[in-house]
Amino acid sequence: MTRTRNAALIKTRIWHGRRGDVARDFRYDATYLAVPVTGFDAGDLPIVVDRASPWQLRRRDFGARDGSSLQAFIMGLLEPAGLSDACNVTLVTTPRTSGYGFNPVSFWLCRDDAGDLHAVLAEVSNTFGERHLYLCHRSDLGVIDSSDRLTGDKLFHVSPFLPRSGRYVFRFDAGPDRFGAWVDWIGADGAVKLGTSMVGPMRPMTPRAVRAAALRHPFQAQRIMALIHWQAAQLFGRGVRYLKKPVQKAVKASDAATLDRGKGS
């Protein structure tokens, strides 16, 4: 099977649900891309890479963010963690649209030669141009299934309306025809303070399908950023305390390992 045929478009429904004194749900749709990381170096992706186009991907938006090999970058994280067999990596992300790019989170799905999922790298970005990497895997390095809940401390400031404390619980459903990611933020009291999900069906990505998506959504990245700021204004208007941005921690990557089944968020 060619890399082009392995690439997919994902029509996602994204949900954020804030809990606590000011509860608020926030939903929007977005088209994500699922592309084999080796396709960036091979030059056989069905979307423009590192050149101007209505929809494009740019190497400098991911990984080391210096234009270097994305496959080398992800293997540099997997090998020290004992996950070198999970070398078949698919990047789930949004494209730059009309020259602008912003990805709240990109997921790197790391599978072995049998197609089993062993790790997911969550590349989380904030609106200040900063990012943190959460390497999600089972503590026994086994196959991740949809019932596994992978937990790690929140070490990165994302929103001015949420403190940098507590922990995240990640769950993934990465089947052949759909993708789902659920990330809950758990407060110091052990309660879910924010639930998020991104779920949608996958269909093959072709140059024609990319062109059609670009015609339908020429400003998708701009819309996502505008929606984030609109929701921030709504929270501020409802009296949610605005937290001053702290100095980010020196650590830029951390692990999220397994919780016992049934003990998740």
C-alpha atoms as a PDB file:
ATOM      1  CA  MET A   1       0.000   0.000   0.000  1.00  0.00           C
ATOM      2  CA  THR A   2       1.448   3.386  -0.969  1.00  0.00           C
ATOM      3  CA  ARG A   3       1.904   6.213   1.486  1.00  0.00           C
ATOM      4  CA  THR A   4      -0.619   8.273  -0.463  1.00  0.00           C
ATOM      5  CA  ARG A   5      -3.261   5.612   0.086  1.00  0.00           C
ATOM      6  CA  ASN A   6      -2.363   5.514   3.792  1.00  0.00           C
ATOM      7  CA  ALA A   7      -3.019   9.235   4.145  1.00  0.00           C
ATOM      8  CA  ALA A   8      -6.516  10.239   5.249  1.00  0.00           C
ATOM      9  CA  LEU A   9      -8.819  13.153   5.912  1.00  0.00           C
ATOM     10  CA  ILE A  10     -10.674  13.101   9.233  1.00  0.00           C
ATOM     11  CA  LYS A  11     -13.923  15.024   9.582  1.00  0.00           C
ATOM     12  CA  THR A  12     -13.753  15.716  13.303  1.00  0.00           C
ATOM     13  CA  ARG A  13     -16.222  16.985  15.856  1.00  0.00           C
ATOM     14  CA  ILE A  14     -14.309  18.750  18.625  1.00  0.00           C
ATOM     15  CA  TRP A  15     -15.762  19.265  22.085  1.00  0.00           C
ATOM     16  CA  HIS A  16     -14.548  21.069  25.208  1.00  0.00           C
ATOM     17  CA  GLY A  17     -16.627  20.817  28.370  1.00  0.00           C
ATOM     18  CA  ARG A  18     -15.689  22.995  31.340  1.00  0.00           C
ATOM     19  CA  ARG A  19     -16.965  21.901  34.742  1.00  0.00           C
ATOM     20  CA  GLY A  20     -17.104  23.647  38.107  1.00  0.00           C
ATOM     21  CA  ASP A  21     -18.531  27.015  39.118  1.00  0.00           C
ATOM     22  CA  VAL A  22     -18.828  28.148  35.494  1.00  0.00           C
ATOM     23  CA  ALA A  23     -19.812  25.213  33.300  1.00  0.00           C
ATOM     24  CA  ARG A  24     -19.629  25.708  29.561  1.00  0.00           C
ATOM     25  CA  ASP A  25     -19.611  23.437  26.506  1.00  0.00           C
ATOM     26  CA  PHE A  26     -17.837  24.415  23.292  1.00  0.00           C
ATOM     27  CA  ARG A  27     -18.145  22.467  20.010  1.00  0.00           C
ATOM     28  CA  TYR A  28     -16.847  22.977  16.506  1.00  0.00           C
ATOM     29  CA  ASP A  29     -15.983  20.967  13.401  1.00  0.00           C
ATOM     30  CA  ALA A  30     -12.596  20.771  11.704  1.00  0.00           C
ATOM     31  CA  THR A  31     -10.924  18.656   9.051  1.00  0.00           C
ATOM     32  CA  TYR A  32      -7.780  16.952  10.304  1.00  0.00           C
ATOM     33  CA  LEU A  33      -5.146  15.172   8.245  1.00  0.00           C
ATOM     34  CA  ALA A  34      -3.574  11.794   8.999  1.00  0.00           C
ATOM     35  CA  VAL A  35      -0.293  11.465   7.112  1.00  0.00           C
ATOM     36  CA  PRO A  36       2.642   9.031   7.366  1.00  0.00           C
ATOM     37  CA  VAL A  37       5.628  10.876   8.785  1.00  0.00           C
ATOM     38  CA  THR A  38       8.025   9.210   6.329  1.00  0.00           C
ATOM     39  CA  GLY A  39       6.053  10.852   3.523  1.00  0.00           C
ATOM     40  CA  PHE A  40       7.532  14.238   4.445  1.00  0.00           C
ATOM     41  CA  ASP A  41      11.018  13.018   3.507  1.00  0.00           C
ATOM     42  CA  ALA A  42       9.876  10.832   0.601  1.00  0.00           C
ATOM     43  CA  GLY A  43       7.893  13.659  -0.953  1.00  0.00           C
ATOM     44  CA  ASP A  44       4.909  11.470  -1.814  1.00  0.00           C
ATOM     45  CA  LEU A  45       2.163  12.987   0.331  1.00  0.00           C
ATOM     46  CA  PRO A  46      -1.071  14.015  -1.431  1.00  0.00           C
ATOM     47  CA  ILE A  47      -0.803  17.519   0.028  1.00  0.00           C
ATOM     48  CA  VAL A  48       1.711  20.278  -0.627  1.00  0.00           C
ATOM     49  CA  VAL A  49       4.638  20.316   1.823  1.00  0.00           C
ATOM     50  CA  ASP A  50       6.883  23.334   2.433  1.00  0.00           C
ATOM     51  CA  ARG A  51       5.498  25.282  -0.526  1.00  0.00           C
ATOM     52  CA  ALA A  52       2.775  27.896  -0.848  1.00  0.00           C
ATOM     53  CA  SER A  53      -0.691  26.422  -1.352  1.00  0.00           C
ATOM     54  CA  PRO A  54      -4.233  27.080  -0.035  1.00  0.00           C
ATOM     55  CA  TRP A  55      -3.766  24.007   2.177  1.00  0.00           C
ATOM     56  CA  GLN A  56      -0.244  22.927   3.049  1.00  0.00           C
ATOM     57  CA  LEU A  57       1.902  21.230   5.658  1.00  0.00           C
ATOM     58  CA  ARG A  58       5.185  22.694   6.823  1.00  0.00           C
ATOM     59  CA  ARG A  59       7.916  20.656   8.478  1.00  0.00           C
ATOM     60  CA  ARG A  60       8.895  23.577  10.703  1.00  0.00           C
ATOM     61  CA  ASP A  61       5.477  23.446  12.381  1.00  0.00           C
ATOM     62  CA  PHE A  62       6.223  20.050  13.977  1.00  0.00           C
ATOM     63  CA  GLY A  63       8.879  18.104  15.824  1.00  0.00           C
ATOM     64  CA  ALA A  64      12.142  19.997  16.271  1.00  0.00           C
ATOM     65  CA  ARG A  65      10.545  22.901  14.346  1.00  0.00           C
ATOM     66  CA  ASP A  66      13.711  23.543  12.391  1.00  0.00           C
ATOM     67  CA  GLY A  67      12.795  21.824   9.129  1.00  0.00           C
ATOM     68  CA  SER A  68      14.711  18.637   9.961  1.00  0.00           C
ATOM     69  CA  SER A  69      13.445  15.074   9.495  1.00  0.00           C
ATOM     70  CA  LEU A  70      10.261  14.374  11.457  1.00  0.00           C
ATOM     71  CA  GLN A  71      10.958  10.624  11.419  1.00  0.00           C
ATOM     72  CA  ALA A  72      14.353  11.205  13.042  1.00  0.00           C
ATOM     73  CA  PHE A  73      12.714  13.471  15.616  1.00  0.00           C
ATOM     74  CA  ILE A  74      10.058  10.985  16.723  1.00  0.00           C
ATOM     75  CA  MET A  75      12.521   8.085  16.817  1.00  0.00           C
ATOM     76  CA  GLY A  76      14.735  10.219  19.050  1.00  0.00           C
ATOM     77  CA  LEU A  77      11.886  10.157  21.584  1.00  0.00           C
ATOM     78  CA  LEU A  78      10.739   6.566  21.083  1.00  0.00           C
ATOM     79  CA  GLU A  79      14.108   4.809  21.252  1.00  0.00           C
ATOM     80  CA  PRO A  80      15.124   6.026  24.760  1.00  0.00           C
ATOM     81  CA  ALA A  81      11.654   5.013  26.003  1.00  0.00           C
ATOM     82  CA  GLY A  82      12.091   1.440  24.728  1.00  0.00           C
ATOM     83  CA  LEU A  83       9.561   1.965  21.939  1.00  0.00           C
ATOM     84  CA  SER A  84      11.812   1.708  18.888  1.00  0.00           C
ATOM     85  CA  ASP A  85       9.585  -0.991  17.338  1.00  0.00           C
ATOM     86  CA  ALA A  86       6.745   1.556  17.098  1.00  0.00           C
ATOM     87  CA  CYS A  87       8.473   3.100  14.096  1.00  0.00           C
ATOM     88  CA  ASN A  88       5.482   3.390  11.737  1.00  0.00           C
ATOM     89  CA  VAL A  89       4.240   6.852  12.623  1.00  0.00           C
ATOM     90  CA  THR A  90       1.176   8.754  11.443  1.00  0.00           C
ATOM     91  CA  LEU A  91       0.812  12.460  12.190  1.00  0.00           C
ATOM     92  CA  VAL A  92      -2.749  13.626  12.900  1.00  0.00           C
ATOM     93  CA  THR A  93      -2.876  17.395  12.555  1.00  0.00           C
ATOM     94  CA  THR A  94      -4.488  20.351  10.818  1.00  0.00           C
ATOM     95  CA  PRO A  95      -2.982  22.057   7.763  1.00  0.00           C
ATOM     96  CA  ARG A  96      -1.901  25.611   7.256  1.00  0.00           C
ATOM     97  CA  THR A  97      -4.750  27.375   5.472  1.00  0.00           C
ATOM     98  CA  SER A  98      -4.166  30.428   3.287  1.00  0.00           C
ATOM     99  CA  GLY A  99      -0.679  30.692   4.767  1.00  0.00           C
ATOM    100  CA  TYR A 100      -1.666  30.619   8.459  1.00  0.00           C
ATOM    101  CA  GLY A 101      -1.174  27.729  10.845  1.00  0.00           C
ATOM    102  CA  PHE A 102      -2.173  26.932  14.405  1.00  0.00           C
ATOM    103  CA  ASN A 103      -2.533  23.453  15.899  1.00  0.00           C
ATOM    104  CA  PRO A 104      -3.845  23.291  19.482  1.00  0.00           C
ATOM    105  CA  VAL A 105      -2.759  19.643  19.504  1.00  0.00           C
ATOM    106  CA  SER A 106      -1.228  17.251  17.005  1.00  0.00           C
ATOM    107  CA  PHE A 107      -1.095  13.510  17.653  1.00  0.00           C
ATOM    108  CA  TRP A 108       1.728  11.269  16.451  1.00  0.00           C
ATOM    109  CA  LEU A 109       0.386   7.688  16.319  1.00  0.00           C
ATOM    110  CA  CYS A 110       3.247   5.200  16.696  1.00  0.00           C
ATOM    111  CA  ARG A 111       2.576   1.634  15.524  1.00  0.00           C
ATOM    112  CA  ASP A 112       4.658  -1.497  15.109  1.00  0.00           C
ATOM    113  CA  ASP A 113       4.956  -3.480  11.873  1.00  0.00           C
ATOM    114  CA  ALA A 114       1.761  -5.386  12.727  1.00  0.00           C
ATOM    115  CA  GLY A 115      -0.160  -2.117  12.922  1.00  0.00           C
ATOM    116  CA  ASP A 116      -0.604  -2.183  16.709  1.00  0.00           C
ATOM    117  CA  LEU A 117      -0.542   1.165  18.524  1.00  0.00           C
ATOM    118  CA  HIS A 118       2.158   1.396  21.216  1.00  0.00           C
ATOM    119  CA  ALA A 119       2.559   5.136  21.751  1.00  0.00           C
ATOM    120  CA  VAL A 120       0.964   8.481  20.981  1.00  0.00           C
ATOM    121  CA  LEU A 121       2.921  11.711  21.150  1.00  0.00           C
ATOM    122  CA  ALA A 122       0.598  14.615  21.948  1.00  0.00           C
ATOM    123  CA  GLU A 123       2.240  17.826  20.707  1.00  0.00           C
ATOM    124  CA  VAL A 124       0.348  20.541  22.581  1.00  0.00           C
ATOM    125  CA  SER A 125       0.642  24.200  21.552  1.00  0.00           C
ATOM    126  CA  ASN A 126      -0.704  27.369  23.131  1.00  0.00           C
ATOM    127  CA  THR A 127      -1.592  30.703  21.570  1.00  0.00           C
ATOM    128  CA  PHE A 128       1.702  32.182  22.827  1.00  0.00           C
ATOM    129  CA  GLY A 129       3.749  30.118  20.367  1.00  0.00           C
ATOM    130  CA  GLU A 130       4.952  27.584  22.964  1.00  0.00           C
ATOM    131  CA  ARG A 131       4.543  23.816  23.062  1.00  0.00           C
ATOM    132  CA  HIS A 132       4.967  20.720  25.221  1.00  0.00           C
ATOM    133  CA  LEU A 133       5.259  17.047  24.285  1.00  0.00           C
ATOM    134  CA  TYR A 134       3.369  14.343  26.200  1.00  0.00           C
ATOM    135  CA  LEU A 135       4.524  10.836  25.245  1.00  0.00           C
ATOM    136  CA  CYS A 136       1.573   8.558  26.010  1.00  0.00           C
ATOM    137  CA  HIS A 137       2.187   4.822  26.411  1.00  0.00           C
ATOM    138  CA  ARG A 138       1.364   1.911  28.659  1.00  0.00           C
ATOM    139  CA  SER A 139       3.765   1.425  31.536  1.00  0.00           C
ATOM    140  CA  ASP A 140       4.449  -2.087  30.202  1.00  0.00           C
ATOM    141  CA  LEU A 141       4.973  -0.677  26.668  1.00  0.00           C
ATOM    142  CA  GLY A 142       2.175  -2.940  25.421  1.00  0.00           C
ATOM    143  CA  VAL A 143      -0.502  -2.314  22.825  1.00  0.00           C
ATOM    144  CA  ILE A 144      -2.778   0.652  23.563  1.00  0.00           C
ATOM    145  CA  ASP A 145      -6.481  -0.043  23.179  1.00  0.00           C
ATOM    146  CA  SER A 146      -9.536   2.155  23.571  1.00  0.00           C
ATOM    147  CA  SER A 147     -10.044   1.181  27.224  1.00  0.00           C
ATOM    148  CA  ASP A 148      -6.559   2.293  28.302  1.00  0.00           C
ATOM    149  CA  ARG A 149      -6.297   5.575  30.151  1.00  0.00           C
ATOM    150  CA  LEU A 150      -2.860   7.133  30.106  1.00  0.00           C
ATOM    151  CA  THR A 151      -2.090   9.754  32.721  1.00  0.00           C
ATOM    152  CA  GLY A 152       0.565  12.401  33.194  1.00  0.00           C
ATOM    153  CA  ASP A 153       1.046  15.611  35.158  1.00  0.00           C
ATOM    154  CA  LYS A 154       0.009  18.876  33.521  1.00  0.00           C
ATOM    155  CA  LEU A 155       3.346  20.669  33.094  1.00  0.00           C
ATOM    156  CA  PHE A 156       2.479  23.259  30.461  1.00  0.00           C
ATOM    157  CA  HIS A 157       0.433  26.456  30.631  1.00  0.00           C
ATOM    158  CA  VAL A 158      -2.227  26.463  27.905  1.00  0.00           C
ATOM    159  CA  SER A 159      -5.226  28.543  28.975  1.00  0.00           C
ATOM    160  CA  PRO A 160      -5.299  31.713  31.108  1.00  0.00           C
ATOM    161  CA  PHE A 161      -8.475  30.323  32.696  1.00  0.00           C
ATOM    162  CA  LEU A 162      -6.944  27.072  33.982  1.00  0.00           C
ATOM    163  CA  PRO A 163      -4.018  26.667  36.382  1.00  0.00           C
ATOM    164  CA  ARG A 164      -0.917  24.681  35.530  1.00  0.00           C
ATOM    165  CA  SER A 165      -1.598  21.917  38.020  1.00  0.00           C
ATOM    166  CA  GLY A 166      -3.349  18.568  38.246  1.00  0.00           C
ATOM    167  CA  ARG A 167      -2.980  15.925  35.573  1.00  0.00           C
ATOM    168  CA  TYR A 168      -4.218  14.839  32.175  1.00  0.00           C
ATOM    169  CA  VAL A 169      -5.899  11.554  31.321  1.00  0.00           C
ATOM    170  CA  PHE A 170      -5.591  10.546  27.661  1.00  0.00           C
ATOM    171  CA  ARG A 171      -7.617   7.919  25.804  1.00  0.00           C
ATOM    172  CA  PHE A 172      -7.355   6.959  22.138  1.00  0.00           C
ATOM    173  CA  ASP A 173      -9.380   4.972  19.614  1.00  0.00           C
ATOM    174  CA  ALA A 174      -7.281   4.750  16.453  1.00  0.00           C
ATOM    175  CA  GLY A 175      -9.119   2.272  14.259  1.00  0.00           C
ATOM    176  CA  PRO A 176      -8.759   1.874  10.489  1.00  0.00           C
ATOM    177  CA  ASP A 177     -11.819   3.982   9.642  1.00  0.00           C
ATOM    178  CA  ARG A 178     -12.081   6.499  12.487  1.00  0.00           C
ATOM    179  CA  PHE A 179      -9.992   8.404  14.976  1.00  0.00           C
ATOM    180  CA  GLY A 180     -10.892   9.435  18.489  1.00  0.00           C
ATOM    181  CA  ALA A 181      -8.918  11.222  21.195  1.00  0.00           C
ATOM    182  CA  TRP A 182     -10.228  12.146  24.644  1.00  0.00           C
ATOM    183  CA  VAL A 183      -8.195  14.299  27.041  1.00  0.00           C
ATOM    184  CA  ASP A 184      -9.534  15.165  30.494  1.00  0.00           C
ATOM    185  CA  TRP A 185      -7.913  17.615  32.876  1.00  0.00           C
ATOM    186  CA  ILE A 186      -8.157  16.423  36.478  1.00  0.00           C
ATOM    187  CA  GLY A 187      -7.862  19.010  39.244  1.00  0.00           C
ATOM    188  CA  ALA A 188      -6.024  18.688  42.542  1.00  0.00           C
ATOM    189  CA  ASP A 189      -9.239  17.409  44.161  1.00  0.00           C
ATOM    190  CA  GLY A 190      -9.407  14.471  41.732  1.00  0.00           C
ATOM    191  CA  ALA A 191     -12.461  15.768  39.849  1.00  0.00           C
ATOM    192  CA  VAL A 192     -12.681  16.330  36.100  1.00  0.00           C
ATOM    193  CA  LYS A 193     -12.454  20.093  35.529  1.00  0.00           C
ATOM    194  CA  LEU A 194     -12.275  20.024  31.742  1.00  0.00           C
ATOM    195  CA  GLY A 195     -13.206  17.285  29.312  1.00  0.00           C
ATOM    196  CA  THR A 196     -12.213  17.363  25.655  1.00  0.00           C
ATOM    197  CA  SER A 197     -12.725  15.077  22.695  1.00  0.00           C
ATOM    198  CA  MET A 198     -11.948  14.938  19.003  1.00  0.00           C
ATOM    199  CA  VAL A 199     -13.736  12.200  17.060  1.00  0.00           C
ATOM    200  CA  GLY A 200     -14.489  11.573  13.423  1.00  0.00           C
ATOM    201  CA  PRO A 201     -14.538   9.198  10.454  1.00  0.00           C
ATOM    202  CA  MET A 202     -11.564   8.848   8.122  1.00  0.00           C
ATOM    203  CA  ARG A 203     -11.574   8.749   4.338  1.00  0.00           C
ATOM    204  CA  PRO A 204      -8.711   8.402   1.875  1.00  0.00           C
ATOM    205  CA  MET A 205      -6.774  11.574   1.164  1.00  0.00           C
ATOM    206  CA  THR A 206      -6.103  12.335  -2.483  1.00  0.00           C
ATOM    207  CA  PRO A 207      -4.887  15.560  -4.113  1.00  0.00           C
ATOM    208  CA  ARG A 208      -8.416  16.059  -5.423  1.00  0.00           C
ATOM    209  CA  ALA A 209      -9.942  15.588  -1.947  1.00  0.00           C
ATOM    210  CA  VAL A 210      -7.465  18.084  -0.486  1.00  0.00           C
ATOM    211  CA  ARG A 211      -8.316  20.665  -3.139  1.00  0.00           C
ATOM    212  CA  ALA A 212     -12.030  20.209  -2.456  1.00  0.00           C
ATOM    213  CA  ALA A 213     -11.497  20.611   1.304  1.00  0.00           C
ATOM    214  CA  ALA A 214      -9.434  23.749   0.718  1.00  0.00           C
ATOM    215  CA  LEU A 215     -12.242  25.245  -1.358  1.00  0.00           C
ATOM    216  CA  ARG A 216     -14.777  24.501   1.384  1.00  0.00           C
ATOM    217  CA  HIS A 217     -12.584  25.682   4.266  1.00  0.00           C
ATOM    218  CA  PRO A 218      -9.984  28.166   2.967  1.00  0.00           C
ATOM    219  CA  PHE A 219      -9.543  29.772   6.407  1.00  0.00           C
ATOM    220  CA  GLN A 220      -9.928  26.823   8.784  1.00  0.00           C
ATOM    221  CA  ALA A 221      -6.844  27.620  10.905  1.00  0.00           C
ATOM    222  CA  GLN A 222      -7.888  31.255  11.222  1.00  0.00           C
ATOM    223  CA  ARG A 223     -11.372  30.156  12.268  1.00  0.00           C
ATOM    224  CA  ILE A 224      -9.985  27.853  14.975  1.00  0.00           C
ATOM    225  CA  MET A 225      -7.919  30.679  16.463  1.00  0.00           C
ATOM    226  CA  ALA A 226     -10.899  33.059  16.330  1.00  0.00           C
ATOM    227  CA  LEU A 227     -13.123  30.510  18.088  1.00  0.00           C
ATOM    228  CA  ILE A 228     -10.549  30.047  20.854  1.00  0.00           C
ATOM    229  CA  HIS A 229     -10.436  33.782  21.502  1.00  0.00           C
ATOM    230  CA  TRP A 230     -14.229  34.041  21.322  1.00  0.00           C
ATOM    231  CA  GLN A 231     -14.600  31.352  23.976  1.00  0.00           C
ATOM    232  CA  ALA A 232     -11.990  33.109  26.126  1.00  0.00           C
ATOM    233  CA  ALA A 233     -14.036  36.308  25.894  1.00  0.00           C
ATOM    234  CA  GLN A 234     -17.167  34.386  26.903  1.00  0.00           C
ATOM    235  CA  LEU A 235     -15.445  32.947  29.988  1.00  0.00           C
ATOM    236  CA  PHE A 236     -14.030  36.329  30.965  1.00  0.00           C
ATOM    237  CA  GLY A 237     -17.478  37.869  30.572  1.00  0.00           C
ATOM    238  CA  ARG A 238     -18.928  35.269  32.929  1.00  0.00           C
ATOM    239  CA  GLY A 239     -16.459  36.190  35.641  1.00  0.00           C
ATOM    240  CA  VAL A 240     -13.937  33.372  35.304  1.00  0.00           C
ATOM    241  CA  ARG A 241     -10.665  34.514  36.832  1.00  0.00           C
ATOM    242  CA  TYR A 242      -7.933  35.383  34.335  1.00  0.00           C
ATOM    243  CA  LEU A 243      -4.626  33.827  35.426  1.00  0.00           C
ATOM    244  CA  LYS A 244      -1.338  35.533  34.684  1.00  0.00           C
ATOM    245  CA  LYS A 245       0.866  33.465  32.394  1.00  0.00           C
ATOM    246  CA  PRO A 246       3.616  31.772  34.432  1.00  0.00           C
ATOM    247  CA  VAL A 247       7.150  31.177  33.250  1.00  0.00           C
ATOM    248  CA  GLN A 248       7.036  27.827  31.485  1.00  0.00           C
ATOM    249  CA  LYS A 249       8.874  24.908  33.049  1.00  0.00           C
ATOM    250  CA  ALA A 250      12.263  23.983  31.629  1.00  0.00           C
ATOM    251  CA  VAL A 251      11.102  20.451  30.828  1.00  0.00           C
ATOM    252  CA  LYS A 252       9.600  20.325  27.335  1.00  0.00           C
ATOM    253  CA  ALA A 253       8.640  16.646  27.180  1.00  0.00           C
ATOM    254  CA  SER A 254       7.092  14.252  29.691  1.00  0.00           C
ATOM    255  CA  ASP A 255       5.426  10.846  29.873  1.00  0.00           C
ATOM    256  CA  ALA A 256       1.815   9.809  30.357  1.00  0.00           C
ATOM    257  CA  ALA A 257       1.657   6.142  31.382  1.00  0.00           C
ATOM    258  CA  THR A 258      -1.123   3.676  32.152  1.00  0.00           C
ATOM    259  CA  LEU A 259      -3.891   3.970  34.702  1.00  0.00           C
ATOM    260  CA  ASP A 260      -5.638   0.796  35.752  1.00  0.00           C
ATOM    261  CA  ARG A 261      -8.646   0.027  33.579  1.00  0.00           C
ATOM    262  CA  GLY A 262     -11.831   1.277  35.182  1.00  0.00           C
ATOM    263  CA  LYS A 263      -9.977   3.840  37.305  1.00  0.00           C
ATOM    264  CA  GLY A 264      -9.746   6.486  34.615  1.00  0.00           C
ATOM    265  CA  SER A 265     -11.237   9.916  34.709  1.00  0.00           C
END
